[in-house]
Amino acid sequence: MHLIQQKHHTPELGTKRKQNCSKY
């Protein structure tokens, strides 16, 4: 599911997206 979120997130949140991946 994080894959869909990663697409939804903007490139600016790329760093945060990585952290979210670990959380999820």
Protein backbone atom coordinates (compact mmCIF):
# COMPACT_ATOMS: atom_id res chain seq x y z
CA MET A 1 0.00 0.00 0.00
CA HIS A 2 2.93 2.30 0.67
CA LEU A 3 3.56 2.13 -3.07
CA ILE A 4 0.34 4.03 -3.79
CA GLN A 5 1.16 6.55 -1.06
CA GLN A 6 4.64 7.03 -2.43
CA LYS A 7 3.07 8.02 -5.75
CA HIS A 8 0.62 10.33 -3.99
CA HIS A 9 3.41 12.00 -2.04
CA THR A 10 5.36 14.75 -3.77
CA PRO A 11 9.10 14.57 -4.57
CA GLU A 12 9.69 16.98 -1.71
CA LEU A 13 8.39 14.33 0.67
CA GLY A 14 10.73 11.79 -0.90
CA THR A 15 12.87 11.75 2.27
CA LYS A 16 9.82 11.45 4.50
CA ARG A 17 8.42 8.77 2.20
CA LYS A 18 11.45 6.60 2.97
CA GLN A 19 10.81 6.92 6.69
CA ASN A 20 7.13 6.11 6.15
CA CYS A 21 8.10 2.92 4.34
CA SER A 22 9.88 1.75 7.48
CA LYS A 23 6.91 2.70 9.64
CA TYR A 24 4.41 0.87 7.44
